[in-house]
Protein backbone atom coordinates (compact mmCIF):
# COMPACT_ATOMS: atom_id res chain seq x y z
CA MET A 1 26.59 40.92 -5.30
CA THR A 2 28.60 37.65 -6.65
CA GLU A 3 30.96 35.25 -4.39
CA SER A 4 34.06 34.89 -6.00
CA LYS A 5 33.76 30.79 -6.05
CA THR A 6 29.98 31.44 -8.08
CA SER A 7 31.14 34.28 -10.22
CA VAL A 8 29.56 34.82 -13.71
CA GLY A 9 30.96 32.89 -16.50
CA GLN A 10 32.32 30.55 -14.18
CA SER A 11 30.46 26.64 -14.89
CA ILE A 12 27.79 25.42 -12.07
CA LYS A 13 28.90 21.94 -10.85
CA VAL A 14 26.24 18.98 -9.87
CA GLY A 15 27.73 16.20 -8.40
CA VAL A 16 25.57 12.87 -8.87
CA ILE A 17 26.73 9.57 -7.09
CA THR A 18 24.60 6.21 -8.44
CA ASP A 19 25.15 2.56 -8.21
CA GLN A 20 26.50 2.01 -11.81
CA THR A 21 27.61 -1.42 -11.04
CA GLY A 22 26.97 -4.23 -8.63
CA ALA A 23 23.92 -5.18 -7.51
CA LEU A 24 21.89 -2.49 -8.32
CA SER A 25 23.31 -1.28 -11.57
CA PHE A 26 19.98 -1.65 -13.52
CA MET A 27 18.88 1.14 -10.99
CA GLY A 28 22.07 2.96 -11.25
CA ILE A 29 22.72 2.92 -15.17
CA ALA A 30 18.84 4.79 -15.16
CA ASN A 31 19.70 7.10 -12.79
CA ALA A 32 23.13 8.53 -14.54
CA ASN A 33 21.15 8.61 -17.55
CA VAL A 34 18.70 10.61 -16.27
CA ALA A 35 20.91 13.36 -14.92
CA LYS A 36 22.68 13.35 -18.26
CA MET A 37 19.11 13.93 -19.88
CA VAL A 38 17.98 16.68 -17.25
CA ILE A 39 21.39 18.70 -17.32
CA ASN A 40 21.91 18.50 -21.30
CA ASP A 41 18.84 19.90 -21.52
CA ILE A 42 19.14 23.09 -19.11
CA ASN A 43 22.44 23.67 -21.14
CA ALA A 44 20.83 23.20 -24.70
CA LYS A 45 18.61 25.81 -23.49
CA GLY A 46 21.37 28.46 -22.32
CA GLY A 47 22.16 26.85 -19.09
CA LEU A 48 21.19 28.44 -15.51
CA LEU A 49 22.00 32.09 -14.31
CA GLY A 50 23.64 31.98 -18.02
CA ARG A 51 25.71 29.44 -16.62
CA GLN A 52 26.55 26.01 -18.22
CA ILE A 53 26.14 23.28 -15.63
CA ASP A 54 29.28 20.53 -15.48
CA LEU A 55 27.97 16.72 -14.73
CA TYR A 56 30.16 15.31 -12.33
CA LEU A 57 28.99 11.68 -11.83
CA GLU A 58 30.15 9.10 -9.60
CA ASP A 59 29.66 5.12 -9.75
CA SER A 60 28.86 4.32 -5.80
CA ALA A 61 29.34 0.39 -7.07
CA THR A 62 26.14 -0.31 -4.99
CA THR A 63 28.82 -0.35 -2.23
CA ASP A 64 28.52 2.47 0.80
CA SER A 65 32.07 2.92 1.47
CA VAL A 66 32.74 3.91 -2.27
CA ALA A 67 29.61 6.21 -1.89
CA GLU A 68 31.07 7.83 0.91
CA ALA A 69 34.72 8.30 -0.60
CA LYS A 70 32.90 9.75 -3.97
CA ALA A 71 31.03 11.93 -1.97
CA THR A 72 33.98 13.37 -0.24
CA LYS A 73 35.64 13.69 -3.52
CA LEU A 74 32.95 15.84 -5.01
CA VAL A 75 33.08 18.41 -1.95
CA GLN A 76 36.62 18.74 -1.54
CA GLN A 77 38.38 17.96 -4.77
CA ASP A 78 35.72 19.01 -7.24
CA GLN A 79 33.80 21.49 -4.83
CA VAL A 80 30.65 21.26 -6.81
CA ASP A 81 27.54 23.29 -5.65
CA VAL A 82 25.13 20.13 -4.78
CA ILE A 83 25.08 16.85 -4.65
CA PHE A 84 22.24 13.93 -5.76
CA GLY A 85 22.39 10.58 -5.32
CA GLY A 86 21.84 7.44 -3.33
CA ILE A 87 18.85 4.54 -3.41
CA PHE A 88 19.60 2.63 -0.63
CA SER A 89 18.77 4.11 2.95
CA SER A 90 22.46 3.26 4.05
CA THR A 91 23.96 4.67 1.22
CA ARG A 92 22.25 8.06 1.70
CA GLN A 93 23.83 7.89 5.11
CA ALA A 94 26.99 7.16 3.69
CA ILE A 95 27.14 9.98 1.63
CA LYS A 96 25.54 12.19 4.15
CA ALA A 97 28.50 12.11 6.75
CA PRO A 98 31.14 13.62 4.05
CA ALA A 99 28.56 15.68 2.07
CA VAL A 100 26.41 17.48 4.94
CA VAL A 101 27.60 16.66 8.36
CA ASN A 102 31.52 17.22 7.16
CA GLY A 103 30.98 19.04 3.72
CA LYS A 104 27.92 21.40 4.95
CA LYS A 105 26.61 20.95 1.33
CA LEU A 106 22.71 21.12 -0.05
CA TYR A 107 22.14 17.09 -0.57
CA ILE A 108 18.90 16.08 -2.36
CA TYR A 109 17.83 12.28 -2.12
CA PRO A 110 15.35 10.88 -4.84
CA GLU A 111 14.16 7.12 -3.58
CA GLN A 112 11.25 6.60 -2.03
CA TYR A 113 12.43 5.44 1.41
CA GLU A 114 11.39 4.86 5.26
CA GLY A 115 10.83 8.84 6.04
CA LYS A 116 12.36 10.77 8.77
CA GLU A 117 15.69 12.48 7.25
CA CYS A 118 15.29 16.22 9.01
CA ASP A 119 18.39 17.67 8.43
CA PRO A 120 18.30 21.26 7.26
CA LEU A 121 20.61 20.72 4.30
CA ILE A 122 18.69 17.52 2.99
CA PHE A 123 15.78 17.59 0.78
CA CYS A 124 14.08 14.48 -0.04
CA THR A 125 12.47 13.94 -3.81
CA GLY A 126 10.59 10.17 -3.48
CA PRO A 127 7.67 8.93 -2.17
CA VAL A 128 7.79 8.25 1.99
CA PRO A 129 5.55 5.58 4.39
CA ALA A 130 2.38 8.36 4.77
CA GLN A 131 2.27 8.14 0.59
CA GLN A 132 2.97 4.69 -0.03
CA VAL A 133 1.40 2.24 3.15
CA GLU A 134 -1.19 4.68 4.13
CA PRO A 135 -3.00 4.78 0.99
CA LEU A 136 -2.34 1.28 0.00
CA ILE A 137 -2.47 -1.04 2.95
CA PRO A 138 -6.26 -0.02 4.11
CA TRP A 139 -7.22 0.06 0.33
CA LEU A 140 -5.58 -3.66 -0.28
CA MET A 141 -7.61 -4.56 2.79
CA GLN A 142 -10.48 -3.39 1.92
CA GLN A 143 -10.53 -4.70 -1.71
CA THR A 144 -9.58 -8.15 -0.98
CA GLY A 145 -10.57 -8.89 2.67
CA ALA A 146 -6.71 -10.34 3.55
CA LYS A 147 -6.38 -9.26 7.34
CA LYS A 148 -3.52 -11.77 7.94
CA PHE A 149 0.51 -9.84 6.89
CA TYR A 150 3.92 -11.58 6.73
CA LEU A 151 6.66 -9.24 6.52
CA PRO A 152 10.02 -10.90 4.74
CA SER A 153 12.50 -8.30 4.89
CA ALA A 154 16.14 -7.02 4.03
CA ASP A 155 17.99 -6.31 7.44
CA TYR A 156 18.78 -2.74 6.91
CA ILE A 157 17.11 0.87 7.87
CA TRP A 158 14.19 1.37 5.51
CA PRO A 159 12.82 -2.29 6.20
CA HIS A 160 12.99 -1.90 9.63
CA THR A 161 11.09 1.60 9.09
CA MET A 162 8.57 0.69 6.95
CA ASN A 163 7.46 -2.32 8.64
CA LYS A 164 6.41 -0.43 11.82
CA LYS A 165 4.28 1.59 9.82
CA VAL A 166 3.06 -1.19 8.35
CA ARG A 167 2.36 -2.78 11.28
CA GLN A 168 0.66 0.53 12.73
CA VAL A 169 -1.99 0.53 9.59
CA VAL A 170 -2.41 -3.21 9.49
CA THR A 171 -3.40 -3.29 13.13
CA ALA A 172 -5.43 0.34 12.75
CA ASN A 173 -7.60 -1.53 10.17
CA GLY A 174 -8.48 -4.69 12.00
CA GLY A 175 -5.42 -6.94 10.71
CA ALA A 176 -2.53 -8.72 12.09
CA ILE A 177 1.08 -9.68 11.44
CA VAL A 178 1.69 -12.81 11.10
CA GLY A 179 5.59 -13.00 11.24
CA GLU A 180 8.51 -10.96 10.37
CA GLU A 181 11.97 -11.79 9.77
CA TYR A 182 14.90 -9.95 8.36
CA PHE A 183 17.81 -11.08 6.04
CA PRO A 184 21.48 -10.16 5.07
CA LEU A 185 21.06 -8.33 1.32
CA ASP A 186 22.81 -11.56 -0.01
CA HIS A 187 20.29 -14.34 1.81
CA THR A 188 19.14 -16.85 -0.54
CA ASP A 189 17.30 -19.66 1.14
CA TYR A 190 14.07 -18.62 2.25
CA SER A 191 12.81 -22.50 2.67
CA LYS A 192 12.06 -22.07 6.16
CA THR A 193 10.31 -18.90 5.87
CA ILE A 194 8.08 -19.88 2.71
CA ASP A 195 7.29 -22.56 5.35
CA LYS A 196 6.69 -20.24 8.15
CA ILE A 197 4.59 -18.11 5.68
CA THR A 198 2.57 -21.25 4.55
CA SER A 199 1.98 -22.34 8.24
CA SER A 200 0.91 -18.78 9.37
CA GLY A 201 -1.90 -18.51 6.81
CA ALA A 202 -0.95 -15.12 6.00
CA GLU A 203 -2.75 -14.01 2.95
CA VAL A 204 -0.34 -10.96 2.05
CA VAL A 205 3.30 -10.97 1.88
CA PHE A 206 4.53 -7.29 2.35
CA ASN A 207 8.26 -7.56 0.87
CA THR A 208 10.92 -5.63 1.69
CA ILE A 209 13.82 -7.93 0.28
CA VAL A 210 15.47 -6.28 -2.00
CA PRO A 211 18.17 -7.24 -4.93
CA PRO A 212 20.22 -9.42 -4.67
CA GLY A 213 18.37 -11.78 -2.25
CA LEU A 214 14.99 -10.51 -3.85
CA THR A 215 14.98 -12.65 -7.70
CA PRO A 216 15.40 -16.33 -5.44
CA PHE A 217 12.95 -14.97 -2.55
CA LEU A 218 10.32 -14.18 -5.35
CA GLU A 219 11.06 -17.22 -6.99
CA GLN A 220 10.80 -20.02 -4.07
CA LEU A 221 7.70 -17.87 -3.03
CA TYR A 222 6.14 -18.97 -6.72
CA ASN A 223 6.87 -22.15 -6.24
CA SER A 224 5.80 -22.92 -3.02
CA GLY A 225 2.07 -21.61 -4.52
CA PHE A 226 1.32 -18.82 -2.56
CA THR A 227 -0.26 -16.82 -5.15
CA LYS A 228 -1.81 -20.08 -6.77
CA ARG A 229 -4.23 -20.70 -3.57
CA GLY A 230 -5.12 -17.09 -3.57
CA GLY A 231 -2.33 -15.08 -1.53
CA TYR A 232 -1.42 -11.27 -2.18
CA ILE A 233 2.34 -10.09 -2.78
CA VAL A 234 2.56 -6.23 -1.73
CA CYS A 235 6.24 -4.51 -2.52
CA THR A 236 6.16 -0.83 -2.75
CA TYR A 237 9.31 0.00 -4.64
CA PHE A 238 8.54 -2.68 -7.83
CA ASP A 239 8.49 -0.99 -10.92
CA GLU A 240 9.04 -2.04 -14.60
CA ASN A 241 12.74 -2.25 -14.26
CA PHE A 242 12.26 -5.03 -11.30
CA LEU A 243 9.94 -6.85 -13.70
CA ASN A 244 12.57 -7.03 -15.67
CA LEU A 245 14.86 -9.65 -13.43
CA VAL A 246 12.16 -11.93 -13.00
CA PRO A 247 9.78 -14.28 -14.80
CA ALA A 248 6.48 -12.58 -15.36
CA ALA A 249 4.32 -15.22 -13.33
CA HIS A 250 6.46 -14.69 -9.83
CA VAL A 251 4.89 -11.45 -9.79
CA GLU A 252 1.82 -12.07 -11.63
CA GLY A 253 -0.60 -9.46 -9.23
CA LEU A 254 1.90 -8.10 -7.48
CA TYR A 255 0.80 -4.44 -5.90
CA SER A 256 2.52 -1.44 -6.14
CA CYS A 257 2.51 1.85 -5.43
CA LEU A 258 4.46 4.69 -6.19
CA ASP A 259 4.77 7.86 -7.96
CA TYR A 260 4.93 7.46 -11.27
CA TYR A 261 4.51 3.89 -13.82
CA GLN A 262 5.02 3.78 -17.92
CA ASN A 263 1.12 3.39 -17.62
CA VAL A 264 0.52 6.94 -16.40
CA SER A 265 -0.89 8.86 -19.25
CA ASP A 266 -1.17 12.43 -18.78
CA PRO A 267 0.92 13.96 -21.86
CA PHE A 268 4.02 15.38 -20.19
CA SER A 269 5.02 11.87 -18.43
CA LYS A 270 4.14 10.18 -22.09
CA GLU A 271 6.73 12.86 -23.83
CA LEU A 272 9.62 12.39 -21.29
CA ILE A 273 9.49 8.55 -21.29
CA ASN A 274 9.61 8.87 -25.13
CA GLN A 275 12.18 11.35 -25.10
CA TYR A 276 14.34 9.25 -22.68
CA ASP A 277 13.52 5.38 -24.59
CA GLN A 278 14.97 7.24 -28.25
CA LEU A 279 18.40 8.56 -25.82
CA TYR A 280 18.72 5.62 -24.04
CA PRO A 281 17.35 2.61 -25.58
CA GLY A 282 17.78 -1.00 -23.24
CA ASN A 283 17.16 -2.43 -20.16
CA ALA A 284 17.68 0.60 -17.95
CA LYS A 285 14.34 2.12 -17.84
CA PHE A 286 12.99 5.48 -16.20
CA THR A 287 11.07 4.19 -13.32
CA ALA A 288 10.05 5.15 -10.15
CA GLY A 289 10.97 2.40 -7.65
CA SER A 290 14.79 2.97 -9.10
CA ALA A 291 14.72 6.80 -8.13
CA CYS A 292 14.49 8.10 -11.57
CA SER A 293 11.64 9.92 -10.99
CA GLY A 294 12.38 11.36 -7.99
CA LEU A 295 16.01 12.48 -9.50
CA TYR A 296 14.22 13.95 -12.64
CA ARG A 297 12.05 15.97 -9.88
CA GLY A 298 14.79 16.76 -7.55
CA LEU A 299 16.86 18.39 -10.81
CA ARG A 300 13.74 20.29 -11.84
CA LEU A 301 12.83 21.35 -8.13
CA TRP A 302 16.58 22.57 -7.68
CA GLU A 303 16.66 24.41 -11.14
CA ALA A 304 13.90 26.43 -10.33
CA ALA A 305 14.78 27.22 -6.81
CA VAL A 306 18.32 28.73 -8.21
CA LYS A 307 16.53 30.86 -11.17
CA GLU A 308 14.17 32.04 -7.94
CA ALA A 309 17.26 32.53 -5.57
CA GLY A 310 19.04 34.28 -8.83
CA SER A 311 22.16 33.18 -7.13
CA LEU A 312 24.15 29.69 -5.88
CA LYS A 313 24.54 31.06 -2.73
CA GLN A 314 23.38 27.95 -0.52
CA GLU A 315 21.31 29.33 1.76
CA ASP A 316 19.07 31.54 -0.57
CA VAL A 317 19.00 28.23 -2.83
CA ILE A 318 17.66 26.17 0.41
CA LYS A 319 15.21 29.33 1.10
CA ALA A 320 14.10 28.95 -2.30
CA LEU A 321 13.75 25.10 -2.86
CA ASP A 322 11.59 25.03 0.69
CA HIS A 323 8.61 25.95 -1.38
CA ALA A 324 9.52 25.32 -5.03
CA LYS A 325 7.00 23.77 -7.31
CA ILE A 326 6.76 22.10 -10.79
CA ALA A 327 4.09 22.31 -12.87
CA GLU A 328 5.20 19.04 -14.79
CA GLY A 329 6.91 16.06 -13.66
CA PRO A 330 6.70 12.07 -14.31
CA GLY A 331 3.49 11.29 -12.80
CA GLY A 332 2.28 15.03 -12.71
CA PRO A 333 3.03 18.20 -10.59
CA ALA A 334 5.13 18.41 -7.70
CA GLU A 335 5.68 21.00 -5.05
CA MET A 336 7.84 21.01 -1.63
CA VAL A 337 5.86 21.08 1.68
CA PRO A 338 7.24 24.23 3.11
CA GLY A 339 9.11 23.26 6.20
CA GLN A 340 9.22 19.72 5.80
CA HIS A 341 11.70 19.02 2.56
CA HIS A 342 9.74 16.84 1.11
CA VAL A 343 7.54 16.44 -1.82
CA ARG A 344 3.53 16.53 -2.08
CA MET A 345 3.14 14.63 -5.50
CA ASN A 346 0.52 12.68 -7.17
CA MET A 347 0.21 8.83 -6.33
CA TYR A 348 -0.84 5.53 -7.76
CA ILE A 349 -1.63 1.69 -7.23
CA ALA A 350 -0.45 -0.41 -9.64
CA GLN A 351 -0.85 -4.15 -10.27
CA ALA A 352 1.57 -6.63 -12.11
CA LYS A 353 -0.63 -8.35 -15.18
CA ASN A 354 1.85 -10.13 -17.74
CA GLY A 355 4.85 -8.49 -17.24
CA ASN A 356 3.43 -4.99 -17.44
CA PHE A 357 2.35 -2.71 -14.21
CA LYS A 358 -1.39 -1.66 -14.79
CA ILE A 359 -2.46 1.28 -12.95
CA ILE A 360 -5.66 0.47 -11.08
CA LYS A 361 -5.82 3.62 -8.47
CA SER A 362 -4.90 7.32 -9.20
CA LEU A 363 -4.38 8.49 -5.77
CA GLY A 364 -3.94 11.88 -6.79
CA GLY A 365 -1.66 14.38 -4.65
CA ILE A 366 -1.01 12.84 -1.19
CA ASP A 367 1.30 14.71 1.40
CA PRO A 368 4.34 13.58 2.85
CA LYS A 369 3.72 14.48 6.79
CA GLU A 370 7.34 14.60 7.05
CA CYS A 371 8.90 15.99 10.45
CA MET A 372 9.33 19.94 10.28
CA GLN A 373 12.72 21.50 9.95
CA GLY A 374 13.91 21.79 13.83
CA ILE A 375 11.46 19.83 15.12
CA LYS A 376 12.72 16.30 15.49
CA SER A 377 10.07 13.95 15.16
CA ALA A 378 9.52 10.96 17.90
């Protein structure tokens, strides 16, 4: 049985929204590259269900109202079969309104985020707090003996939710949060906060400040001598793209926890990064914190689901996507945890050394522990 909208011979339409201009353009351009690379690869191998895929690539300009307008266009005008994209959680919510709530369209969100997205039409392919905060914090406290944490944060949903998890894990392991502050995204003068970090005796700065406020914060923290005095910086989203933004000295020793780093040594990850670098040389690198790994994973899991479903009928694709797996991906294999719409994936703890990330612990496959569909988490 074929539906008229997706009859054989017609192209498959994939919509991707990403920040190709604005404060996150260094991440968004890399995401656009990944989308082109994967779609071109699928098309070069005969397409999907014998049909070519047309990529509808939209620039959200690191502005949520623009992302919302682009999602509306993709659903109403272009009538795409699936939507991918968004980096900030506020952007995910902006895309969600026209794409999912009104458009009833399958939406795959690729970025590491705060968790708790529990909509039957949304699948998330980046790491969540159970895969970042839960393994990293106890390990760090054990390794360093640090107990006092300070939480300087951007003022939106991701930092607020991440910090709740950080507080829970730190206190459960006998530590304390000695400060928690929130700033507008474009805030640049952190001198008062740096003074508070110093006077509080904080040993760990768990940072969720994001661009454009990130660079001045790291510079001011470095100038205060925090790390020279033996302090530790933790930033779970930090990857090789972010290392390009700041002088190496400002983040020397910084700890991060993601699903992939360019230091990962498995053959497929190496081959993938070589392919990407040849196609897209330059500063927009294939990294995990920038959502590249999640977007690659999302596109391949969706491809596997469409193949299993044997059609583009959305309910069939969703049913197949619920348990989709890929044997190879950046950082290793990945699989949707049935009922959760989130991915079990390999996780790594890495540390910044001389402007590069070095993996210091491979954590293996970790479950996302997200809400089961139809059961809203508290």
